[in-house]
Amino acid sequence: MADVSIARRYAHALFATARKAGTTERVETDLETLDALLRTTPALLRILRAPTIGRAEKKELARRLFENQVNDLTLRFLFLLIEKRREATLPEVNRAFRALAYAAQNRLQVTATVATRLTAEERARLTETLSRRTGKTVELAEEVDPELIGGVVVRLGDTIIDGSVAGQLRRLRQQLLVGSV
């Protein structure tokens, strides 16, 4: 839990600096790229986290890998994380930074879990409905779970709205079990 709160503090500081420099979107993209790279290259993550590898060596590696790939502010931030031995917080910093950027731009990341892929019309209708209800620009990510049978489960941050057939059957079963006791 301490890592999460530390990562949020770093994300707030980075966001404030990026906003002042007018590079919020670029830093957000850079963090997403770094996070994806670390997820797909576990060896790089192990190197960055290894306590036996010196800070100078890690910084040099980061400089060689990312100097021409990311914004200068992002690279300096990565150096700061290495200097403070907080490399492991990078994925959480990315999530916290993204949340700050979305809030500042009035965007909302929504995940819709459906039994089968949504058609373009259904996707547009769901996005429009959620945008109207939340007052934010909705960025819809879609996941398929055939066990839902039908309907949709929508996740808006910490809020989950279960409109699936499987969810309705589960609730009906609970009501019948409670009613028969």
Protein backbone atom coordinates (compact mmCIF):
# COMPACT_ATOMS: atom_id res chain seq x y z
CA MET A 1 0.00 0.00 0.00
CA ALA A 2 2.89 2.34 0.73
CA ASP A 3 4.14 1.88 -2.85
CA VAL A 4 0.77 3.02 -4.20
CA SER A 5 0.74 6.21 -2.16
CA ILE A 6 4.38 6.88 -3.06
CA ALA A 7 3.62 6.30 -6.74
CA ARG A 8 0.69 8.71 -6.54
CA ARG A 9 2.91 11.42 -5.05
CA TYR A 10 5.43 10.95 -7.84
CA ALA A 11 2.62 10.99 -10.42
CA HIS A 12 1.20 14.23 -8.97
CA ALA A 13 4.60 15.90 -9.09
CA LEU A 14 5.26 14.70 -12.64
CA PHE A 15 1.78 15.76 -13.75
CA ALA A 16 2.20 19.25 -12.29
CA THR A 17 5.57 19.64 -13.98
CA ALA A 18 4.32 18.28 -17.32
CA ARG A 19 1.26 20.53 -17.19
CA LYS A 20 3.43 23.58 -16.53
CA ALA A 21 5.69 22.58 -19.46
CA GLY A 22 2.71 21.84 -21.71
CA THR A 23 3.82 18.24 -22.30
CA THR A 24 1.10 16.32 -20.43
CA GLU A 25 -0.04 14.30 -23.44
CA ARG A 26 3.50 13.44 -24.50
CA VAL A 27 4.49 12.34 -20.98
CA GLU A 28 1.29 10.27 -20.73
CA THR A 29 2.17 8.53 -24.01
CA ASP A 30 5.78 8.03 -22.86
CA LEU A 31 4.67 6.42 -19.58
CA GLU A 32 2.27 4.13 -21.45
CA THR A 33 5.11 3.12 -23.78
CA LEU A 34 7.52 2.48 -20.90
CA ASP A 35 4.88 0.49 -19.00
CA ALA A 36 4.09 -1.64 -22.06
CA LEU A 37 7.79 -2.22 -22.69
CA LEU A 38 8.37 -3.33 -19.11
CA ARG A 39 5.37 -5.68 -19.26
CA THR A 40 6.57 -7.28 -22.50
CA THR A 41 10.26 -7.37 -21.55
CA PRO A 42 10.51 -8.90 -18.08
CA ALA A 43 14.32 -9.00 -18.30
CA LEU A 44 14.44 -5.19 -18.50
CA LEU A 45 12.18 -4.90 -15.47
CA ARG A 46 14.42 -7.32 -13.54
CA ILE A 47 17.49 -5.25 -14.45
CA LEU A 48 15.83 -2.02 -13.30
CA ARG A 49 14.74 -3.62 -10.03
CA ALA A 50 18.01 -5.45 -9.34
CA PRO A 51 19.65 -4.06 -6.20
CA THR A 52 23.04 -5.42 -7.30
CA ILE A 53 23.15 -3.15 -10.34
CA GLY A 54 24.31 0.37 -9.53
CA ARG A 55 22.23 3.49 -10.09
CA ALA A 56 24.76 4.89 -12.58
CA GLU A 57 24.57 1.73 -14.68
CA LYS A 58 20.77 1.78 -14.64
CA LYS A 59 20.68 5.44 -15.64
CA GLU A 60 23.11 4.79 -18.49
CA LEU A 61 20.98 1.88 -19.68
CA ALA A 62 17.83 4.03 -19.50
CA ARG A 63 19.58 6.86 -21.34
CA ARG A 64 20.75 4.56 -24.13
CA LEU A 65 17.37 2.87 -24.48
CA PHE A 66 15.06 5.87 -24.17
CA GLU A 67 17.00 9.07 -24.92
CA ASN A 68 15.60 9.41 -28.45
CA GLN A 69 12.29 7.68 -27.67
CA VAL A 70 10.78 9.74 -24.86
CA ASN A 71 10.41 13.37 -23.86
CA ASP A 72 13.29 14.87 -21.86
CA LEU A 73 11.00 15.34 -18.85
CA THR A 74 10.03 11.65 -18.93
CA LEU A 75 13.68 10.60 -19.11
CA ARG A 76 14.65 12.89 -16.21
CA PHE A 77 11.72 11.46 -14.24
CA LEU A 78 12.93 7.93 -14.92
CA PHE A 79 16.40 8.98 -13.70
CA LEU A 80 14.78 10.35 -10.53
CA LEU A 81 12.99 7.04 -9.90
CA ILE A 82 16.28 5.20 -10.37
CA GLU A 83 18.11 7.62 -8.08
CA LYS A 84 15.50 7.18 -5.34
CA ARG A 85 15.33 3.40 -5.92
CA ARG A 86 11.63 3.62 -6.89
CA GLU A 87 11.84 1.88 -10.27
CA ALA A 88 9.29 -0.72 -9.18
CA THR A 89 6.63 1.98 -8.80
CA LEU A 90 6.67 2.88 -12.51
CA PRO A 91 3.54 0.85 -13.43
CA GLU A 92 1.58 2.43 -10.57
CA VAL A 93 2.93 5.90 -11.42
CA ASN A 94 1.67 5.32 -14.96
CA ARG A 95 -1.83 4.43 -13.72
CA ALA A 96 -1.96 7.41 -11.35
CA PHE A 97 -0.65 9.80 -14.03
CA ARG A 98 -3.24 8.52 -16.51
CA ALA A 99 -6.02 9.07 -13.95
CA LEU A 100 -4.82 12.66 -13.39
CA ALA A 101 -4.61 13.32 -17.13
CA TYR A 102 -8.08 11.87 -17.71
CA ALA A 103 -9.57 13.97 -14.91
CA ALA A 104 -7.92 17.14 -16.24
CA GLN A 105 -9.25 16.45 -19.74
CA ASN A 106 -12.70 15.36 -18.51
CA ARG A 107 -12.15 11.85 -19.93
CA LEU A 108 -13.30 8.61 -18.36
CA GLN A 109 -11.89 5.15 -19.04
CA VAL A 110 -14.74 2.63 -19.13
CA THR A 111 -14.48 -1.12 -19.56
CA ALA A 112 -17.51 -2.93 -20.97
CA THR A 113 -17.51 -6.69 -20.57
CA VAL A 114 -19.91 -8.34 -23.02
CA ALA A 115 -20.83 -11.88 -24.07
CA THR A 116 -20.13 -11.16 -27.75
CA ARG A 117 -18.42 -8.26 -29.54
CA LEU A 118 -20.48 -5.09 -29.73
CA THR A 119 -21.51 -3.85 -33.14
CA ALA A 120 -20.37 -0.37 -34.13
CA GLU A 121 -23.90 0.94 -33.47
CA GLU A 122 -24.13 -0.69 -30.01
CA ARG A 123 -20.67 0.63 -29.12
CA ALA A 124 -21.61 4.16 -30.20
CA ARG A 125 -24.91 4.02 -28.31
CA LEU A 126 -23.25 2.74 -25.12
CA THR A 127 -20.50 5.36 -25.35
CA GLU A 128 -23.06 8.14 -25.92
CA THR A 129 -25.27 6.99 -23.03
CA LEU A 130 -22.34 6.76 -20.62
CA SER A 131 -21.02 10.16 -21.76
CA ARG A 132 -24.43 11.73 -21.13
CA ARG A 133 -24.78 10.13 -17.70
CA THR A 134 -21.26 10.96 -16.51
CA GLY A 135 -20.78 14.30 -18.26
CA LYS A 136 -17.36 13.10 -19.45
CA THR A 137 -15.85 11.97 -22.71
CA VAL A 138 -15.92 8.19 -22.47
CA GLU A 139 -13.11 6.00 -23.80
CA LEU A 140 -14.63 2.56 -24.09
CA ALA A 141 -12.54 -0.61 -23.83
CA GLU A 142 -14.31 -3.84 -24.64
CA GLU A 143 -13.72 -7.30 -23.15
CA VAL A 144 -15.53 -10.46 -24.19
CA ASP A 145 -16.71 -13.03 -21.63
CA PRO A 146 -19.13 -15.62 -23.09
CA GLU A 147 -20.15 -16.69 -19.57
CA LEU A 148 -22.20 -13.49 -19.25
CA ILE A 149 -24.73 -15.05 -21.66
CA GLY A 150 -25.91 -11.58 -22.71
CA GLY A 151 -26.03 -7.97 -21.57
CA VAL A 152 -23.08 -5.93 -20.35
CA VAL A 153 -21.01 -5.31 -17.22
CA VAL A 154 -19.69 -1.75 -17.15
CA ARG A 155 -16.74 -0.69 -14.99
CA LEU A 156 -16.37 3.08 -14.46
CA GLY A 157 -13.39 3.47 -12.15
CA ASP A 158 -14.42 1.80 -8.89
CA THR A 159 -18.10 1.53 -9.89
CA ILE A 160 -19.44 -1.65 -11.49
CA ILE A 161 -22.85 -1.80 -13.15
CA ASP A 162 -23.89 -5.39 -13.84
CA GLY A 163 -26.55 -5.56 -16.54
CA SER A 164 -25.62 -9.06 -17.68
CA VAL A 165 -27.98 -12.01 -17.95
CA ALA A 166 -25.64 -14.05 -15.74
CA GLY A 167 -25.75 -11.30 -13.11
CA GLN A 168 -29.53 -11.15 -13.23
CA LEU A 169 -29.73 -14.94 -12.85
CA ARG A 170 -27.33 -14.79 -9.90
CA ARG A 171 -29.45 -12.10 -8.19
CA LEU A 172 -32.65 -14.04 -8.88
CA ARG A 173 -31.10 -17.18 -7.39
CA GLN A 174 -30.09 -15.22 -4.25
CA GLN A 175 -33.62 -13.85 -3.86
CA LEU A 176 -35.12 -17.32 -4.24
CA LEU A 177 -32.68 -18.79 -1.70
CA VAL A 178 -33.34 -16.00 0.82
CA GLY A 179 -37.11 -16.28 0.27
CA SER A 180 -37.19 -20.05 0.84
CA VAL A 181 -35.45 -19.93 4.24
